[in-house]
Amino acid sequence: MENGNFDFDLYGIELSLIEQSYNPVIITTPLLDGEHPKILYVNSAFLRMTGYGRDEIIGKTPRILQGEKTDKKTLARLKETLKKEEYFEGEAINYKKDGTEYFVHWNISPVYDKSGNLAAFLSFQKDVTVTRTLQRQLLLFRQGIDQSADFVALFDSCGNYIYANKAYLERTGYEAEELIGQNPSILKSGKHDNVYYSNLWSTVLSGKAFSAIFCNKTKNGEFYYEKQTITPIVDEDSIIGFISIGKSYDYEKQFHDELQNESRLDKLTGLLNRKALDEKIDEAIKRFEVYGEPFCLLFADLDNFKNVNDALGHDVGDTVLKEIADSLRLSVRGEDDLFRYGGDEFVCLMHNTTEQKAKEAAKRLRDVILSSKCRSEYGIDLSIGVSEYGGEAVHSLFKAVDKQMYLDKKKHKEEG
């Protein structure tokens, strides 16, 4: 063995076969009380793993591989197992010649001579550093996600829950076992219509992230607001799941509501005013530019309102405006914004909506007015223009929707 010739056996072990093994192998003397085993043989794979030369390690004890982070409890268990001449399997941190740490997995078996006496221990070893490092990283990632203050949930390719972190569970009021396998529709508040969810799904199924303010409902029925981004998880061009990351929007919503003070409210109707409209449109344009979120503008003008003011006075005219505003407010979606633009003109800013859906909404708004007291007593009608934002300048958007409103007004006059 001194000359590197391994074509003979050691205590019945064929070394030439072990030398060719891909796995690192070490053979030591039996463990004796008060002594440490000595290394009798290591194969080439072991030398590559540790960086030692054969002459540097033969005759030494395995302690040459141990160091500060080598688990003492594992070594104690190893020693007790070998004393009993039993098979041992375990892992620990060892050290290469240059001091580099590595995780090693051991399989150690007793070897007996022809007389049945314990002659050596045969250890097959494996460097599992990469595997353990990845496991630690995954554990760190999992713990980081679970302890995150953000609300995080994972869904399978069908959109059903497969994981929710602690913050998400506390936010929704559900236990993990109540959510896993369920569809997130369990949180629906009724504040978003089918168009909203259709746009959500069409966005994420196209491979893009969807970001919006969600109004959801907890297990006990309380509404809460959340700024949420849902991102598809793609593997080899196929969507294998989705991740949702959200932040509480309750404070912002409350703050937003408090800002709807006199400077942003129309004093007569209580609707948002033109100043608020400018702000809202700027926000909608930013969402369009960043997330591709569509929005539409509805411009409404009362027909025959001037006759009411002229014949019955401004007090009655103000009453009509307030009743019209109340009817419109109750008829628009919760996520849309309604404004008194000035005089007898109203604007509705519809979020996450295409022009076709906005036109359908406009028809419903007119039907509400046609069936109202203002129609039956004062002959009030409603002309509405609709336009979807397409990236143009704001004044061009208003010009387009104003034109559509006048065309609608002309149509009503022609119909009598």
Protein backbone atom coordinates (compact mmCIF):
# COMPACT_ATOMS: atom_id res chain seq x y z
CA MET A 1 0.00 0.00 0.00
CA GLU A 2 2.97 2.30 0.51
CA ASN A 3 3.65 2.21 -3.23
CA GLY A 4 0.07 3.00 -4.10
CA ASN A 5 -0.64 -0.55 -5.33
CA PHE A 6 -4.17 -1.40 -4.17
CA ASP A 7 -4.50 -4.76 -5.92
CA PHE A 8 -4.72 -6.61 -2.61
CA ASP A 9 -7.33 -6.68 0.10
CA LEU A 10 -7.29 -5.13 3.55
CA TYR A 11 -9.12 -7.27 6.09
CA GLY A 12 -11.01 -8.86 3.20
CA ILE A 13 -11.81 -5.56 1.44
CA GLU A 14 -10.84 -5.39 -2.23
CA LEU A 15 -9.18 -1.96 -2.40
CA SER A 16 -8.79 -1.87 -6.16
CA LEU A 17 -12.59 -1.81 -6.44
CA ILE A 18 -12.98 0.85 -3.77
CA GLU A 19 -10.29 2.97 -5.39
CA GLN A 20 -12.50 3.28 -8.46
CA SER A 21 -15.57 4.26 -6.45
CA TYR A 22 -17.15 7.63 -7.24
CA ASN A 23 -18.01 8.04 -3.55
CA PRO A 24 -15.27 8.95 -1.07
CA VAL A 25 -14.27 5.98 1.10
CA ILE A 26 -12.22 5.84 4.30
CA ILE A 27 -11.12 2.78 6.32
CA THR A 28 -10.06 3.18 9.95
CA THR A 29 -8.82 0.92 12.70
CA PRO A 30 -11.36 -0.22 15.30
CA LEU A 31 -12.26 2.28 17.96
CA LEU A 32 -10.58 1.38 21.26
CA ASP A 33 -11.35 2.84 24.68
CA GLY A 34 -9.22 5.90 25.30
CA GLU A 35 -7.99 6.01 21.73
CA HIS A 36 -9.14 7.40 18.45
CA PRO A 37 -9.20 5.25 15.32
CA LYS A 38 -6.39 5.68 12.84
CA ILE A 39 -6.93 6.10 9.13
CA LEU A 40 -5.72 3.02 7.28
CA TYR A 41 -6.88 3.86 3.79
CA VAL A 42 -8.66 6.54 1.75
CA ASN A 43 -9.55 6.34 -1.92
CA SER A 44 -8.86 8.98 -4.56
CA ALA A 45 -12.39 10.39 -4.34
CA PHE A 46 -11.81 11.08 -0.64
CA LEU A 47 -8.58 12.89 -1.41
CA ARG A 48 -10.34 15.04 -4.03
CA MET A 49 -13.10 15.86 -1.57
CA THR A 50 -10.78 16.89 1.29
CA GLY A 51 -7.77 18.28 -0.57
CA TYR A 52 -5.32 16.15 1.40
CA GLY A 53 -2.59 14.00 -0.07
CA ARG A 54 -2.55 10.32 0.88
CA ASP A 55 0.68 10.64 2.83
CA GLU A 56 -0.81 13.57 4.78
CA ILE A 57 -3.78 11.63 6.08
CA ILE A 58 -2.83 7.94 6.38
CA GLY A 59 -2.10 7.16 10.04
CA LYS A 60 -3.90 10.26 11.29
CA THR A 61 -7.23 10.19 13.15
CA PRO A 62 -10.46 11.46 11.57
CA ARG A 63 -10.18 14.39 13.97
CA ILE A 64 -7.97 15.99 11.33
CA LEU A 65 -11.19 16.68 9.43
CA GLN A 66 -13.10 18.10 12.39
CA GLY A 67 -13.30 21.66 13.63
CA GLU A 68 -15.27 24.34 15.42
CA LYS A 69 -18.62 23.66 13.75
CA THR A 70 -18.41 19.88 13.76
CA ASP A 71 -21.37 18.80 15.85
CA LYS A 72 -20.16 17.32 19.14
CA LYS A 73 -23.44 15.51 19.75
CA THR A 74 -23.16 13.74 16.41
CA LEU A 75 -19.57 12.70 17.23
CA ALA A 76 -20.68 11.37 20.63
CA ARG A 77 -23.47 9.38 19.00
CA LEU A 78 -21.00 8.11 16.40
CA LYS A 79 -18.58 6.94 19.10
CA GLU A 80 -21.25 5.15 21.12
CA THR A 81 -22.61 3.43 18.00
CA LEU A 82 -19.20 2.20 16.90
CA LYS A 83 -18.41 0.95 20.40
CA LYS A 84 -21.42 -1.31 20.02
CA GLU A 85 -20.09 -2.39 16.61
CA GLU A 86 -23.26 -1.17 14.98
CA TYR A 87 -23.96 0.54 11.67
CA PHE A 88 -23.93 4.36 11.79
CA GLU A 89 -25.43 6.94 9.47
CA GLY A 90 -25.27 10.67 10.03
CA GLU A 91 -24.12 14.10 8.91
CA ALA A 92 -21.76 16.75 10.20
CA ILE A 93 -19.64 19.68 9.15
CA ASN A 94 -16.06 18.72 8.34
CA TYR A 95 -13.12 20.78 7.11
CA LYS A 96 -10.93 20.41 4.04
CA LYS A 97 -7.17 20.89 4.14
CA ASP A 98 -7.55 24.57 3.22
CA GLY A 99 -10.08 25.12 6.03
CA THR A 100 -13.17 25.15 3.83
CA GLU A 101 -16.27 23.80 5.57
CA TYR A 102 -18.30 21.07 3.92
CA PHE A 103 -21.29 18.97 4.91
CA VAL A 104 -20.53 15.27 4.85
CA HIS A 105 -22.96 12.35 5.00
CA TRP A 106 -21.49 9.18 6.54
CA ASN A 107 -22.42 5.51 6.21
CA ILE A 108 -20.08 3.59 8.52
CA SER A 109 -20.07 -0.20 8.87
CA PRO A 110 -17.97 -2.56 11.02
CA VAL A 111 -15.64 -4.96 9.14
CA TYR A 112 -14.62 -8.32 10.64
CA ASP A 113 -11.62 -10.56 9.90
CA LYS A 114 -11.79 -14.25 9.08
CA SER A 115 -11.87 -15.06 12.77
CA GLY A 116 -14.91 -12.87 13.33
CA ASN A 117 -13.04 -10.18 15.19
CA LEU A 118 -13.67 -6.49 14.55
CA ALA A 119 -10.85 -5.42 12.27
CA ALA A 120 -11.85 -2.01 10.87
CA PHE A 121 -14.61 0.45 10.07
CA LEU A 122 -15.55 1.12 6.46
CA SER A 123 -17.07 4.54 5.78
CA PHE A 124 -18.71 5.65 2.55
CA GLN A 125 -18.96 9.43 2.52
CA LYS A 126 -20.68 12.03 0.41
CA ASP A 127 -20.21 15.78 0.18
CA VAL A 128 -23.77 17.14 0.54
CA THR A 129 -22.77 20.80 0.90
CA VAL A 130 -24.71 21.99 -2.15
CA THR A 131 -27.84 20.10 -1.10
CA ARG A 132 -27.71 21.33 2.50
CA THR A 133 -26.94 24.89 1.42
CA LEU A 134 -29.95 24.86 -0.88
CA GLN A 135 -32.08 23.41 1.90
CA ARG A 136 -30.92 26.14 4.26
CA GLN A 137 -31.63 28.79 1.65
CA LEU A 138 -35.08 27.35 1.04
CA LEU A 139 -35.71 27.23 4.78
CA LEU A 140 -34.55 30.83 5.13
CA PHE A 141 -36.76 31.84 2.22
CA ARG A 142 -39.74 29.98 3.66
CA GLN A 143 -39.25 31.48 7.12
CA GLY A 144 -38.74 34.92 5.61
CA ILE A 145 -41.96 34.64 3.63
CA ASP A 146 -43.88 33.22 6.57
CA GLN A 147 -42.65 35.97 8.90
CA SER A 148 -43.09 38.76 6.35
CA ALA A 149 -45.45 41.58 7.28
CA ASP A 150 -46.74 41.50 3.69
CA PHE A 151 -49.66 39.20 2.90
CA VAL A 152 -48.27 36.36 0.78
CA ALA A 153 -50.17 33.46 -0.80
CA LEU A 154 -49.31 30.85 -3.42
CA PHE A 155 -51.81 29.31 -5.80
CA ASP A 156 -51.66 26.34 -8.16
CA SER A 157 -52.21 26.68 -11.90
CA CYS A 158 -55.99 26.49 -11.34
CA GLY A 159 -55.86 29.42 -8.93
CA ASN A 160 -56.44 27.44 -5.73
CA TYR A 161 -54.54 28.06 -2.51
CA ILE A 162 -51.48 25.94 -1.79
CA TYR A 163 -49.87 28.23 0.81
CA ALA A 164 -50.60 31.37 2.83
CA ASN A 165 -48.21 33.02 5.25
CA LYS A 166 -48.99 34.01 8.82
CA ALA A 167 -49.80 37.64 7.96
CA TYR A 168 -52.19 36.53 5.20
CA LEU A 169 -54.00 34.16 7.56
CA GLU A 170 -54.29 36.79 10.29
CA ARG A 171 -55.55 39.31 7.75
CA THR A 172 -58.26 37.04 6.36
CA GLY A 173 -59.20 35.37 9.64
CA TYR A 174 -58.90 31.88 8.15
CA GLU A 175 -56.76 28.97 9.31
CA ALA A 176 -54.38 27.45 6.76
CA GLU A 177 -56.42 24.24 6.49
CA GLU A 178 -59.52 26.31 5.71
CA LEU A 179 -57.83 27.99 2.74
CA ILE A 180 -55.64 25.28 1.21
CA GLY A 181 -57.41 23.85 -1.84
CA GLN A 182 -59.98 26.65 -1.85
CA ASN A 183 -60.41 29.33 -4.49
CA PRO A 184 -59.67 32.95 -3.46
CA SER A 185 -63.27 33.79 -4.37
CA ILE A 186 -63.87 32.83 -0.73
CA LEU A 187 -62.70 36.40 0.05
CA LYS A 188 -64.97 38.17 -2.46
CA SER A 189 -66.59 41.26 -1.01
CA GLY A 190 -69.04 41.95 -3.83
CA LYS A 191 -67.39 45.34 -4.39
CA HIS A 192 -65.82 44.26 -7.71
CA ASP A 193 -67.85 43.20 -10.72
CA ASN A 194 -67.17 40.41 -13.22
CA VAL A 195 -65.32 42.80 -15.52
CA TYR A 196 -62.77 43.43 -12.77
CA TYR A 197 -62.07 39.73 -12.26
CA SER A 198 -62.14 39.04 -15.99
CA ASN A 199 -59.45 41.66 -16.50
CA LEU A 200 -57.45 40.14 -13.62
CA TRP A 201 -57.46 36.68 -15.15
CA SER A 202 -56.83 37.80 -18.72
CA THR A 203 -53.79 39.74 -17.45
CA VAL A 204 -52.16 36.99 -15.38
CA LEU A 205 -52.94 34.25 -17.92
CA SER A 206 -51.10 36.32 -20.52
CA GLY A 207 -48.02 36.07 -18.30
CA LYS A 208 -48.21 39.60 -16.87
CA ALA A 209 -48.54 40.76 -13.28
CA PHE A 210 -51.84 42.31 -12.15
CA SER A 211 -51.78 45.08 -9.54
CA ALA A 212 -54.79 46.79 -8.04
CA ILE A 213 -56.55 47.83 -4.86
CA PHE A 214 -58.72 44.94 -3.68
CA CYS A 215 -61.65 45.18 -1.35
CA ASN A 216 -61.96 41.73 0.24
CA LYS A 217 -63.96 40.24 3.06
CA THR A 218 -62.60 38.38 6.11
CA LYS A 219 -64.01 35.14 7.47
CA ASN A 220 -66.20 37.07 9.90
CA GLY A 221 -67.54 39.33 7.14
CA GLU A 222 -65.48 42.48 7.66
CA PHE A 223 -64.31 44.40 4.60
CA TYR A 224 -60.64 45.25 4.22
CA TYR A 225 -58.59 47.00 1.57
CA GLU A 226 -55.36 45.61 0.19
CA LYS A 227 -52.87 46.83 -2.39
CA GLN A 228 -52.11 43.54 -4.11
CA THR A 229 -49.94 42.26 -6.96
CA ILE A 230 -50.65 38.86 -8.46
CA THR A 231 -47.80 37.43 -10.55
CA PRO A 232 -47.87 34.26 -12.66
CA ILE A 233 -45.12 31.70 -11.97
CA VAL A 234 -43.79 30.45 -15.29
CA ASP A 235 -41.72 27.35 -15.98
CA GLU A 236 -40.66 26.57 -19.55
CA ASP A 237 -43.34 28.88 -21.00
CA SER A 238 -46.11 27.26 -18.93
CA ILE A 239 -47.87 28.90 -15.98
CA ILE A 240 -47.51 26.52 -13.04
CA GLY A 241 -48.96 28.78 -10.36
CA PHE A 242 -49.38 32.29 -9.04
CA ILE A 243 -48.03 34.34 -6.15
CA SER A 244 -49.96 37.14 -4.50
CA ILE A 245 -48.20 39.78 -2.40
CA GLY A 246 -50.31 42.40 -0.68
CA LYS A 247 -50.02 45.31 1.71
CA SER A 248 -52.72 46.79 3.88
CA TYR A 249 -54.48 49.71 2.24
CA ASP A 250 -56.81 50.40 5.16
CA TYR A 251 -54.90 53.44 6.41
CA GLU A 252 -54.52 54.84 2.90
CA LYS A 253 -58.22 54.24 2.26
CA GLN A 254 -59.14 56.01 5.48
CA PHE A 255 -56.73 58.83 4.69
CA HIS A 256 -58.09 58.97 1.17
CA ASP A 257 -61.63 59.22 2.48
CA GLU A 258 -60.66 61.97 4.89
CA LEU A 259 -59.18 63.93 2.01
CA GLN A 260 -62.58 64.07 0.41
CA ASN A 261 -63.17 67.32 2.23
CA GLU A 262 -64.66 70.57 1.03
CA SER A 263 -61.74 71.29 -1.29
CA ARG A 264 -62.50 68.10 -3.24
CA LEU A 265 -66.23 67.89 -2.78
CA ASP A 266 -69.03 69.67 -4.53
CA LYS A 267 -70.94 71.43 -1.74
CA LEU A 268 -74.35 71.05 -3.35
CA THR A 269 -74.32 67.36 -4.31
CA GLY A 270 -71.59 65.93 -2.11
CA LEU A 271 -69.92 64.42 -5.16
CA LEU A 272 -66.27 64.86 -5.98
CA ASN A 273 -65.45 68.06 -7.84
CA ARG A 274 -63.24 68.97 -10.81
CA LYS A 275 -60.12 69.28 -8.68
CA ALA A 276 -60.59 65.71 -7.49
CA LEU A 277 -61.27 64.64 -11.07
CA ASP A 278 -57.88 65.96 -12.19
CA GLU A 279 -56.17 63.99 -9.42
CA LYS A 280 -58.10 60.82 -10.11
CA ILE A 281 -57.39 60.91 -13.82
CA ASP A 282 -53.67 61.39 -13.14
CA GLU A 283 -53.74 58.30 -10.89
CA ALA A 284 -55.66 56.30 -13.50
CA ILE A 285 -53.17 57.28 -16.22
CA LYS A 286 -50.25 56.14 -14.04
CA ARG A 287 -51.90 52.75 -13.51
CA PHE A 288 -52.54 52.53 -17.24
CA GLU A 289 -48.90 53.30 -18.02
CA VAL A 290 -47.41 50.99 -15.37
CA TYR A 291 -49.86 48.10 -15.31
CA GLY A 292 -51.86 48.54 -18.50
CA GLU A 293 -55.04 48.99 -16.45
CA PRO A 294 -57.81 50.33 -18.74
CA PHE A 295 -60.25 53.04 -17.74
CA CYS A 296 -63.13 54.91 -19.33
CA LEU A 297 -64.60 58.34 -18.95
CA LEU A 298 -68.37 58.92 -18.96
CA PHE A 299 -69.47 62.50 -19.52
CA ALA A 300 -73.14 63.14 -18.70
CA ASP A 301 -75.24 66.25 -19.30
CA LEU A 302 -78.82 66.79 -18.15
CA ASP A 303 -81.36 67.48 -20.88
CA ASN A 304 -84.12 70.05 -20.19
CA PHE A 305 -82.49 71.23 -16.97
CA LYS A 306 -82.40 74.87 -18.12
CA ASN A 307 -86.20 74.80 -18.43
CA VAL A 308 -86.48 73.73 -14.78
CA ASN A 309 -84.28 76.61 -13.61
CA ASP A 310 -86.07 79.16 -15.79
CA ALA A 311 -89.60 78.03 -14.95
CA LEU A 312 -89.30 76.89 -11.33
CA GLY A 313 -86.28 78.72 -9.99
CA HIS A 314 -82.83 77.77 -8.84
CA ASP A 315 -83.98 76.26 -5.58
CA VAL A 316 -85.92 73.60 -7.43
CA GLY A 317 -83.00 73.28 -9.85
CA ASP A 318 -80.66 72.60 -6.92
CA THR A 319 -83.06 69.97 -5.60
CA VAL A 320 -83.09 68.26 -8.99
CA LEU A 321 -79.28 68.26 -9.13
CA LYS A 322 -79.04 66.67 -5.69
CA GLU A 323 -81.61 64.00 -6.56
CA ILE A 324 -79.82 63.24 -9.83
CA ALA A 325 -76.50 63.00 -7.98
CA ASP A 326 -78.00 60.61 -5.40
CA SER A 327 -79.47 58.40 -8.15
CA LEU A 328 -76.17 58.26 -10.04
CA ARG A 329 -74.16 57.60 -6.86
CA LEU A 330 -76.27 54.58 -6.06
CA SER A 331 -76.00 53.28 -9.61
CA VAL A 332 -72.23 53.30 -10.21
CA ARG A 333 -69.83 50.59 -9.03
CA GLY A 334 -68.13 50.98 -5.69
CA GLU A 335 -64.66 51.22 -7.24
CA ASP A 336 -65.66 53.94 -9.74
CA ASP A 337 -65.56 57.68 -9.06
CA LEU A 338 -68.42 60.10 -9.69
CA PHE A 339 -67.93 63.87 -10.08
CA ARG A 340 -70.01 66.96 -10.57
CA TYR A 341 -68.12 68.60 -13.38
CA GLY A 342 -70.04 71.87 -13.23
CA GLY A 343 -73.59 73.14 -13.72
CA ASP A 344 -75.66 70.17 -14.84
CA GLU A 345 -72.69 68.11 -16.04
CA PHE A 346 -71.45 64.93 -14.35
CA VAL A 347 -68.45 62.69 -14.98
CA CYS A 348 -67.92 59.06 -14.04
CA LEU A 349 -64.40 57.62 -14.06
CA MET A 350 -64.71 53.86 -14.54
CA HIS A 351 -61.64 51.83 -13.54
CA ASN A 352 -60.62 48.48 -15.04
CA THR A 353 -63.28 48.86 -17.71
CA THR A 354 -63.33 48.68 -21.50
CA GLU A 355 -65.43 50.96 -23.68
CA GLN A 356 -68.04 48.31 -24.43
CA LYS A 357 -68.70 47.69 -20.74
CA ALA A 358 -68.72 51.42 -20.08
CA LYS A 359 -71.40 51.93 -22.76
CA GLU A 360 -73.51 49.26 -21.10
CA ALA A 361 -73.08 51.09 -17.79
CA ALA A 362 -74.04 54.39 -19.43
CA LYS A 363 -77.30 52.87 -20.68
CA ARG A 364 -78.10 51.66 -17.17
CA LEU A 365 -77.43 55.13 -15.74
CA ARG A 366 -79.78 56.74 -18.24
CA ASP A 367 -82.46 54.13 -17.49
CA VAL A 368 -82.17 55.04 -13.80
CA ILE A 369 -82.82 58.71 -14.57
CA LEU A 370 -85.68 57.90 -16.96
CA SER A 371 -87.43 55.97 -14.20
CA SER A 372 -86.81 58.66 -11.58
CA LYS A 373 -88.98 61.38 -10.11
CA CYS A 374 -86.86 63.97 -11.92
CA ARG A 375 -88.00 62.52 -15.22
CA SER A 376 -91.68 62.18 -14.36
CA GLU A 377 -92.04 65.61 -12.70
CA TYR A 378 -89.51 67.74 -14.55
CA GLY A 379 -88.91 65.96 -17.86
CA ILE A 380 -85.20 65.50 -17.15
CA ASP A 381 -83.21 63.23 -19.47
CA LEU A 382 -79.52 62.26 -19.52
CA SER A 383 -77.13 62.37 -22.47
CA ILE A 384 -73.89 60.47 -21.97
CA GLY A 385 -70.65 60.30 -23.94
CA VAL A 386 -68.24 57.41 -23.41
CA SER A 387 -64.55 57.13 -24.32
CA GLU A 388 -61.81 54.69 -23.34
CA TYR A 389 -58.36 56.08 -22.59
CA GLY A 390 -55.75 55.01 -25.11
CA GLY A 391 -52.67 56.96 -24.10
CA GLU A 392 -53.67 60.30 -25.62
CA ALA A 393 -53.41 63.71 -23.95
CA VAL A 394 -56.07 64.35 -21.30
CA HIS A 395 -57.62 67.24 -23.23
CA SER A 396 -58.02 64.95 -26.24
CA LEU A 397 -59.81 62.41 -24.07
CA PHE A 398 -62.24 65.10 -22.86
CA LYS A 399 -62.73 66.35 -26.39
CA ALA A 400 -63.61 62.84 -27.58
CA VAL A 401 -66.03 62.12 -24.75
CA ASP A 402 -67.65 65.55 -25.09
CA LYS A 403 -68.25 64.88 -28.78
CA GLN A 404 -69.87 61.56 -27.97
CA MET A 405 -72.12 63.24 -25.42
CA TYR A 406 -73.40 65.77 -27.96
CA LEU A 407 -74.05 63.00 -30.45
CA ASP A 408 -76.09 61.23 -27.79
CA LYS A 409 -77.99 64.44 -27.01
CA LYS A 410 -78.73 64.94 -30.72
CA LYS A 411 -80.01 61.38 -30.92
CA HIS A 412 -82.42 61.99 -28.01
CA LYS A 413 -83.79 65.13 -29.66
CA GLU A 414 -84.36 63.30 -32.92
CA GLU A 415 -86.19 60.55 -31.05
CA GLY A 416 -88.42 63.20 -29.53
